[in-house]
Structure formats: C-alpha cells, structure tokens
N, C-alpha and C. Protein backbone atom coordinates (compact mmCIF):
# COMPACT_ATOMS: atom_id res chain seq x y z
N UNK A 1 0.82 -1.19 0.00
CA UNK A 1 0.00 0.00 0.00
C UNK A 1 0.87 1.26 0.00
N UNK A 2 2.04 1.20 0.61
CA UNK A 2 2.91 2.37 0.64
C UNK A 2 3.51 2.62 -0.73
N UNK A 3 4.04 1.57 -1.34
CA UNK A 3 4.60 1.70 -2.68
C UNK A 3 3.79 0.83 -3.63
N UNK A 4 3.80 1.18 -4.92
CA UNK A 4 3.03 0.38 -5.87
C UNK A 4 3.67 -1.00 -6.08
N UNK A 5 2.85 -1.94 -6.43
CA UNK A 5 3.33 -3.26 -6.80
C UNK A 5 2.40 -3.80 -7.89
N UNK A 6 2.46 -5.08 -8.16
CA UNK A 6 1.63 -5.60 -9.25
C UNK A 6 0.14 -5.60 -8.91
N UNK A 7 -0.20 -5.48 -7.63
CA UNK A 7 -1.61 -5.45 -7.22
C UNK A 7 -2.12 -4.04 -6.95
N UNK A 8 -1.22 -3.11 -6.64
CA UNK A 8 -1.62 -1.75 -6.29
C UNK A 8 -1.02 -0.78 -7.30
N UNK A 9 -1.90 -0.04 -7.99
CA UNK A 9 -1.44 0.96 -8.94
C UNK A 9 -0.78 2.11 -8.20
N UNK A 10 0.11 2.81 -8.89
CA UNK A 10 0.83 3.92 -8.28
C UNK A 10 -0.12 4.94 -7.66
N UNK A 11 -1.18 5.31 -8.36
CA UNK A 11 -2.07 6.36 -7.86
C UNK A 11 -2.78 5.98 -6.56
N UNK A 12 -2.90 4.69 -6.27
CA UNK A 12 -3.54 4.25 -5.03
C UNK A 12 -2.54 4.01 -3.90
N UNK A 13 -1.26 4.03 -4.22
CA UNK A 13 -0.24 3.86 -3.18
C UNK A 13 -0.11 5.15 -2.37
N UNK A 14 0.55 5.06 -1.23
CA UNK A 14 0.77 6.26 -0.41
C UNK A 14 1.63 7.27 -1.17
N UNK A 15 2.55 6.78 -1.98
CA UNK A 15 3.39 7.69 -2.77
C UNK A 15 2.55 8.48 -3.78
N UNK A 16 1.69 7.80 -4.49
CA UNK A 16 0.86 8.45 -5.49
C UNK A 16 -0.17 9.38 -4.89
N UNK A 17 -0.92 8.89 -3.90
CA UNK A 17 -1.93 9.71 -3.25
C UNK A 17 -1.28 10.85 -2.46
N UNK A 18 -0.11 10.58 -1.89
CA UNK A 18 0.62 11.63 -1.17
C UNK A 18 1.05 12.75 -2.08
N UNK A 19 1.43 12.43 -3.30
CA UNK A 19 1.82 13.48 -4.24
C UNK A 19 0.62 14.38 -4.57
N UNK A 20 -0.56 13.80 -4.66
CA UNK A 20 -1.78 14.61 -4.88
C UNK A 20 -2.03 15.54 -3.69
N UNK A 21 -1.85 15.00 -2.48
CA UNK A 21 -2.07 15.82 -1.29
C UNK A 21 -1.04 16.94 -1.19
N UNK A 22 0.19 16.66 -1.58
CA UNK A 22 1.22 17.71 -1.55
C UNK A 22 0.88 18.85 -2.50
N UNK A 23 0.29 18.54 -3.64
CA UNK A 23 -0.14 19.60 -4.57
C UNK A 23 -1.18 20.50 -3.91
N UNK A 24 -2.06 19.91 -3.13
CA UNK A 24 -3.09 20.70 -2.44
C UNK A 24 -2.51 21.56 -1.33
N UNK A 25 -1.31 21.23 -0.87
CA UNK A 25 -0.67 21.99 0.20
C UNK A 25 0.24 23.09 -0.33
N UNK A 26 -0.02 23.55 -1.55
CA UNK A 26 0.74 24.69 -2.09
C UNK A 26 0.54 25.90 -1.18
N UNK A 27 -0.64 25.95 -0.57
CA UNK A 27 -0.97 26.99 0.41
C UNK A 27 -1.20 26.29 1.74
N UNK A 28 -0.55 26.74 2.82
CA UNK A 28 -0.78 26.12 4.13
C UNK A 28 -2.27 26.15 4.50
N UNK A 29 -2.74 25.08 5.12
CA UNK A 29 -4.15 25.00 5.50
C UNK A 29 -4.36 24.05 6.67
N UNK A 30 -5.54 24.08 7.22
CA UNK A 30 -5.86 23.21 8.34
C UNK A 30 -6.08 21.79 7.84
N UNK A 31 -6.01 20.86 8.77
CA UNK A 31 -6.26 19.45 8.44
C UNK A 31 -7.67 19.29 7.88
N UNK A 32 -8.64 19.93 8.51
CA UNK A 32 -10.02 19.77 8.06
C UNK A 32 -10.25 20.38 6.68
N UNK A 33 -9.62 21.50 6.36
CA UNK A 33 -9.80 22.07 5.03
C UNK A 33 -9.13 21.21 3.96
N UNK A 34 -7.98 20.62 4.29
CA UNK A 34 -7.34 19.70 3.34
C UNK A 34 -8.23 18.47 3.13
N UNK A 35 -8.79 17.94 4.20
CA UNK A 35 -9.68 16.78 4.08
C UNK A 35 -10.86 17.11 3.18
N UNK A 36 -11.43 18.29 3.33
CA UNK A 36 -12.58 18.69 2.49
C UNK A 36 -12.20 18.72 1.01
N UNK A 37 -10.96 19.06 0.71
CA UNK A 37 -10.52 19.13 -0.68
C UNK A 37 -10.21 17.75 -1.27
N UNK A 38 -9.71 16.83 -0.46
CA UNK A 38 -9.23 15.55 -1.01
C UNK A 38 -10.16 14.37 -0.78
N UNK A 39 -11.18 14.52 0.03
CA UNK A 39 -12.00 13.34 0.39
C UNK A 39 -12.76 12.75 -0.79
N UNK A 40 -12.93 13.51 -1.85
CA UNK A 40 -13.64 12.99 -3.01
C UNK A 40 -12.69 12.42 -4.06
N UNK A 41 -11.39 12.51 -3.81
CA UNK A 41 -10.42 11.95 -4.75
C UNK A 41 -10.49 10.43 -4.70
N UNK A 42 -10.51 9.83 -5.86
CA UNK A 42 -10.61 8.37 -5.96
C UNK A 42 -9.47 7.68 -5.22
N UNK A 43 -8.30 8.30 -5.19
CA UNK A 43 -7.12 7.70 -4.56
C UNK A 43 -7.20 7.66 -3.04
N UNK A 44 -8.01 8.54 -2.45
CA UNK A 44 -8.02 8.67 -0.99
C UNK A 44 -9.31 8.13 -0.38
N UNK A 45 -10.40 8.74 -0.66
CA UNK A 45 -11.75 8.33 -0.25
C UNK A 45 -12.02 8.26 1.25
N UNK A 46 -11.18 7.61 2.04
CA UNK A 46 -11.51 7.41 3.46
C UNK A 46 -10.61 8.27 4.35
N UNK A 47 -11.15 8.64 5.50
CA UNK A 47 -10.41 9.45 6.46
C UNK A 47 -9.22 8.67 7.02
N UNK A 48 -9.38 7.37 7.19
CA UNK A 48 -8.28 6.53 7.68
C UNK A 48 -7.08 6.60 6.74
N UNK A 49 -7.32 6.46 5.45
CA UNK A 49 -6.22 6.52 4.49
C UNK A 49 -5.63 7.93 4.45
N UNK A 50 -6.47 8.94 4.54
CA UNK A 50 -6.02 10.33 4.58
C UNK A 50 -5.02 10.54 5.72
N UNK A 51 -5.36 10.07 6.90
CA UNK A 51 -4.48 10.23 8.07
C UNK A 51 -3.19 9.44 7.90
N UNK A 52 -3.29 8.22 7.37
CA UNK A 52 -2.09 7.42 7.15
C UNK A 52 -1.15 8.10 6.14
N UNK A 53 -1.71 8.71 5.12
CA UNK A 53 -0.89 9.41 4.13
C UNK A 53 -0.24 10.64 4.77
N UNK A 54 -0.98 11.36 5.61
CA UNK A 54 -0.39 12.50 6.33
C UNK A 54 0.77 12.03 7.20
N UNK A 55 0.57 10.94 7.91
CA UNK A 55 1.65 10.37 8.73
C UNK A 55 2.87 10.02 7.87
N UNK A 56 2.63 9.40 6.74
CA UNK A 56 3.69 9.00 5.83
C UNK A 56 4.48 10.22 5.34
N UNK A 57 3.76 11.26 4.92
CA UNK A 57 4.41 12.48 4.44
C UNK A 57 5.20 13.16 5.55
N UNK A 58 4.66 13.12 6.76
CA UNK A 58 5.37 13.71 7.91
C UNK A 58 6.65 12.94 8.22
N UNK A 59 6.56 11.62 8.20
CA UNK A 59 7.74 10.79 8.48
C UNK A 59 8.84 11.00 7.43
N UNK A 60 8.44 11.28 6.21
CA UNK A 60 9.42 11.56 5.16
C UNK A 60 9.99 12.98 5.24
N UNK A 61 9.42 13.79 6.13
CA UNK A 61 9.89 15.16 6.29
C UNK A 61 9.40 16.09 5.20
N UNK A 62 8.29 15.75 4.55
CA UNK A 62 7.76 16.56 3.47
C UNK A 62 6.73 17.58 3.92
N UNK A 63 6.11 17.34 5.08
CA UNK A 63 5.14 18.29 5.62
C UNK A 63 5.43 18.55 7.08
N UNK A 64 4.88 19.65 7.57
CA UNK A 64 4.98 19.97 9.00
C UNK A 64 3.65 20.55 9.46
N UNK A 65 3.46 20.56 10.77
CA UNK A 65 2.25 21.09 11.37
C UNK A 65 2.67 22.16 12.37
N UNK A 66 2.43 23.42 12.03
CA UNK A 66 2.80 24.53 12.91
C UNK A 66 1.67 25.54 12.95
N UNK A 67 1.36 26.00 14.13
CA UNK A 67 0.34 27.02 14.28
C UNK A 67 -1.03 26.60 13.78
N UNK A 68 -1.31 25.31 13.87
CA UNK A 68 -2.62 24.81 13.45
C UNK A 68 -2.74 24.59 11.95
N UNK A 69 -1.64 24.76 11.21
CA UNK A 69 -1.68 24.61 9.76
C UNK A 69 -0.70 23.55 9.28
N UNK A 70 -1.13 22.81 8.29
CA UNK A 70 -0.24 21.88 7.58
C UNK A 70 0.42 22.66 6.47
N UNK A 71 1.72 22.42 6.28
CA UNK A 71 2.41 23.06 5.16
C UNK A 71 3.52 22.17 4.66
N UNK A 72 3.86 22.37 3.39
CA UNK A 72 4.99 21.65 2.80
C UNK A 72 6.27 22.18 3.41
N UNK A 73 7.23 21.30 3.58
CA UNK A 73 8.56 21.71 4.05
C UNK A 73 9.37 22.05 2.81
N UNK A 74 9.94 23.24 2.81
CA UNK A 74 10.75 23.66 1.67
C UNK A 74 12.10 22.98 1.74
N UNK A 75 12.72 22.80 0.60
CA UNK A 75 14.02 22.13 0.53
C UNK A 75 15.08 22.81 1.39
N UNK A 76 15.07 24.14 1.45
CA UNK A 76 16.07 24.85 2.25
C UNK A 76 15.84 24.64 3.73
N UNK A 77 14.62 24.36 4.17
CA UNK A 77 14.35 24.07 5.58
C UNK A 77 14.94 22.71 5.96
N UNK A 78 14.89 21.75 5.06
CA UNK A 78 15.43 20.42 5.33
C UNK A 78 16.94 20.47 5.51
N UNK A 79 17.61 21.27 4.70
CA UNK A 79 19.06 21.30 4.75
C UNK A 79 19.58 21.98 6.02
N UNK A 80 18.77 22.81 6.66
CA UNK A 80 19.18 23.51 7.88
C UNK A 80 19.14 22.60 9.11
N UNK A 81 18.39 21.51 9.05
CA UNK A 81 18.23 20.63 10.21
C UNK A 81 19.39 19.70 10.39
C-alpha cells in the first residue's frame, strides 16, 4: 500500500496519493480544510487513508504542522536541520 506493486497501482499507493495531497498543500491549510478538498479523490476516499498518508508524508519530512496549519517543508528548511 505504501509503494506500488503488481496489485496496487501507483495512484492508489501512499506515494501516489501523497503526491496529490502535496499539490493541495501549495498553500498552508488546516487538516479539516485539506480533508474537504481531497475526500472525493478516488485515490483517498476514506479518512483513515487520509491520516495514514499525512503520517507517511510527515515521516518523510515533506510536511509539517505549525500554528494549526499543515504546510509543505521547503528544501532549504530540510538542509538547515
């Protein structure tokens, strides 16, 4: 489910669905507003998968949660850590 294989297409994997969610985070937003935007996407559909993808993106260091908002981590922020 995290990565695609012969049974799971890329768009349904966490990598594929996570890339869609990252596009939606071009502007920082709350968890609930992001959920409202992505819950109808075929790749995500359920709140459980949405949260797992958020966890996955956070563990990879691609997103952060500050001041009540989710935002993408910029490349220059990663290099400073």
